[in-house]
Amino acid sequence: MREKRRLAAPAASARTTKASIEPLRTGYALIVDGHVKATFAAKASALEAGTQLKNRFPRLQVKIYDAENKLSETVEIARA
């Protein structure tokens, strides 16, 4: 009969990913399809980056999150 392989228990180790563990408290975040992609200190720079991304890839869901007020704003394509 075959022996069943035993899974080794994962070792307790420090988190080694590059993802931010702490939530954003100040500034603005560029959220693409529900994932934070970049953070900005000024709203204007966040909106500019979001608008450029939305114009390049119109099917993406792009939002700007204001961490201080805890509000998000959807970025739309400018209609001509």
C-alpha atoms as a PDB file:
ATOM      1  CA  MET A   1       0.000   0.000   0.000  1.00  0.00           C
ATOM      2  CA  ARG A   2       1.046   3.527  -0.597  1.00  0.00           C
ATOM      3  CA  GLU A   3       1.930   5.724   2.306  1.00  0.00           C
ATOM      4  CA  LYS A   4       0.126   9.012   2.575  1.00  0.00           C
ATOM      5  CA  ARG A   5       2.417  11.956   2.468  1.00  0.00           C
ATOM      6  CA  ARG A   6       2.249  14.122   5.513  1.00  0.00           C
ATOM      7  CA  LEU A   7       2.165  17.824   4.982  1.00  0.00           C
ATOM      8  CA  ALA A   8       4.750  19.685   6.959  1.00  0.00           C
ATOM      9  CA  ALA A   9       3.310  22.361   9.193  1.00  0.00           C
ATOM     10  CA  PRO A  10       4.247  25.817   7.917  1.00  0.00           C
ATOM     11  CA  ALA A  11       6.883  27.463  10.027  1.00  0.00           C
ATOM     12  CA  ALA A  12       5.871  30.615  11.834  1.00  0.00           C
ATOM     13  CA  SER A  13       7.819  33.344  10.123  1.00  0.00           C
ATOM     14  CA  ALA A  14       7.710  37.080   9.727  1.00  0.00           C
ATOM     15  CA  ARG A  15       5.656  38.451   6.863  1.00  0.00           C
ATOM     16  CA  THR A  16       7.959  38.819   3.880  1.00  0.00           C
ATOM     17  CA  THR A  17       5.622  40.341   1.309  1.00  0.00           C
ATOM     18  CA  LYS A  18       6.011  43.866   0.034  1.00  0.00           C
ATOM     19  CA  ALA A  19       2.321  44.670   0.508  1.00  0.00           C
ATOM     20  CA  SER A  20       1.434  47.335   2.994  1.00  0.00           C
ATOM     21  CA  ILE A  21       0.016  45.893   6.185  1.00  0.00           C
ATOM     22  CA  GLU A  22      -1.184  49.129   7.733  1.00  0.00           C
ATOM     23  CA  PRO A  23      -4.182  50.910   6.214  1.00  0.00           C
ATOM     24  CA  LEU A  24      -3.775  54.273   4.559  1.00  0.00           C
ATOM     25  CA  ARG A  25      -4.452  57.088   7.052  1.00  0.00           C
ATOM     26  CA  THR A  26      -3.531  60.200   5.070  1.00  0.00           C
ATOM     27  CA  GLY A  27      -3.325  61.097   1.416  1.00  0.00           C
ATOM     28  CA  TYR A  28      -5.040  59.555  -1.576  1.00  0.00           C
ATOM     29  CA  ALA A  29      -4.964  56.061  -3.045  1.00  0.00           C
ATOM     30  CA  LEU A  30      -5.430  55.023  -6.665  1.00  0.00           C
ATOM     31  CA  ILE A  31      -7.687  51.959  -6.617  1.00  0.00           C
ATOM     32  CA  VAL A  32      -7.897  49.864  -9.784  1.00  0.00           C
ATOM     33  CA  ASP A  33     -10.442  47.032  -9.881  1.00  0.00           C
ATOM     34  CA  GLY A  34     -10.574  47.011  -6.079  1.00  0.00           C
ATOM     35  CA  HIS A  35      -6.813  46.944  -5.494  1.00  0.00           C
ATOM     36  CA  VAL A  36      -4.656  49.808  -4.241  1.00  0.00           C
ATOM     37  CA  LYS A  37      -2.051  50.474  -6.917  1.00  0.00           C
ATOM     38  CA  ALA A  38      -0.460  53.763  -5.808  1.00  0.00           C
ATOM     39  CA  THR A  39      -0.656  56.416  -3.113  1.00  0.00           C
ATOM     40  CA  PHE A  40      -0.406  60.176  -3.524  1.00  0.00           C
ATOM     41  CA  ALA A  41      -0.073  63.134  -1.178  1.00  0.00           C
ATOM     42  CA  ALA A  42      -2.181  65.475  -3.339  1.00  0.00           C
ATOM     43  CA  LYS A  43      -5.615  64.859  -4.827  1.00  0.00           C
ATOM     44  CA  ALA A  44      -4.705  66.539  -8.120  1.00  0.00           C
ATOM     45  CA  SER A  45      -1.862  64.113  -8.821  1.00  0.00           C
ATOM     46  CA  ALA A  46      -4.054  61.129  -7.913  1.00  0.00           C
ATOM     47  CA  LEU A  47      -6.830  62.322 -10.234  1.00  0.00           C
ATOM     48  CA  GLU A  48      -4.346  62.938 -13.046  1.00  0.00           C
ATOM     49  CA  ALA A  49      -2.917  59.424 -12.745  1.00  0.00           C
ATOM     50  CA  GLY A  50      -6.400  57.925 -12.528  1.00  0.00           C
ATOM     51  CA  THR A  51      -7.633  59.857 -15.557  1.00  0.00           C
ATOM     52  CA  GLN A  52      -4.621  58.844 -17.649  1.00  0.00           C
ATOM     53  CA  LEU A  53      -5.143  55.205 -16.704  1.00  0.00           C
ATOM     54  CA  LYS A  54      -8.886  55.335 -17.417  1.00  0.00           C
ATOM     55  CA  ASN A  55      -8.306  56.996 -20.820  1.00  0.00           C
ATOM     56  CA  ARG A  56      -5.771  54.324 -21.728  1.00  0.00           C
ATOM     57  CA  PHE A  57      -7.843  51.391 -20.421  1.00  0.00           C
ATOM     58  CA  PRO A  58     -11.523  52.443 -20.381  1.00  0.00           C
ATOM     59  CA  ARG A  59     -12.828  49.088 -19.119  1.00  0.00           C
ATOM     60  CA  LEU A  60     -10.980  49.337 -15.801  1.00  0.00           C
ATOM     61  CA  GLN A  61     -12.791  50.441 -12.672  1.00  0.00           C
ATOM     62  CA  VAL A  62     -10.683  53.331 -11.338  1.00  0.00           C
ATOM     63  CA  LYS A  63     -11.351  55.144  -8.060  1.00  0.00           C
ATOM     64  CA  ILE A  64      -9.551  57.709  -5.924  1.00  0.00           C
ATOM     65  CA  TYR A  65      -9.797  57.050  -2.173  1.00  0.00           C
ATOM     66  CA  ASP A  66      -9.459  59.941   0.289  1.00  0.00           C
ATOM     67  CA  ALA A  67      -8.017  58.384   3.457  1.00  0.00           C
ATOM     68  CA  GLU A  68      -8.702  61.303   5.791  1.00  0.00           C
ATOM     69  CA  ASN A  69     -12.397  61.644   4.890  1.00  0.00           C
ATOM     70  CA  LYS A  70     -12.815  57.925   4.068  1.00  0.00           C
ATOM     71  CA  LEU A  71     -14.533  58.672   0.768  1.00  0.00           C
ATOM     72  CA  SER A  72     -13.950  57.302  -2.708  1.00  0.00           C
ATOM     73  CA  GLU A  73     -14.569  58.989  -6.043  1.00  0.00           C
ATOM     74  CA  THR A  74     -15.006  57.110  -9.313  1.00  0.00           C
ATOM     75  CA  VAL A  75     -12.874  58.317 -12.234  1.00  0.00           C
ATOM     76  CA  GLU A  76     -14.863  58.645 -15.450  1.00  0.00           C
ATOM     77  CA  ILE A  77     -13.747  59.214 -19.030  1.00  0.00           C
ATOM     78  CA  ALA A  78     -14.215  62.824 -20.124  1.00  0.00           C
ATOM     79  CA  ARG A  79     -16.884  62.916 -22.812  1.00  0.00           C
ATOM     80  CA  ALA A  80     -16.145  65.194 -25.765  1.00  0.00           C
END
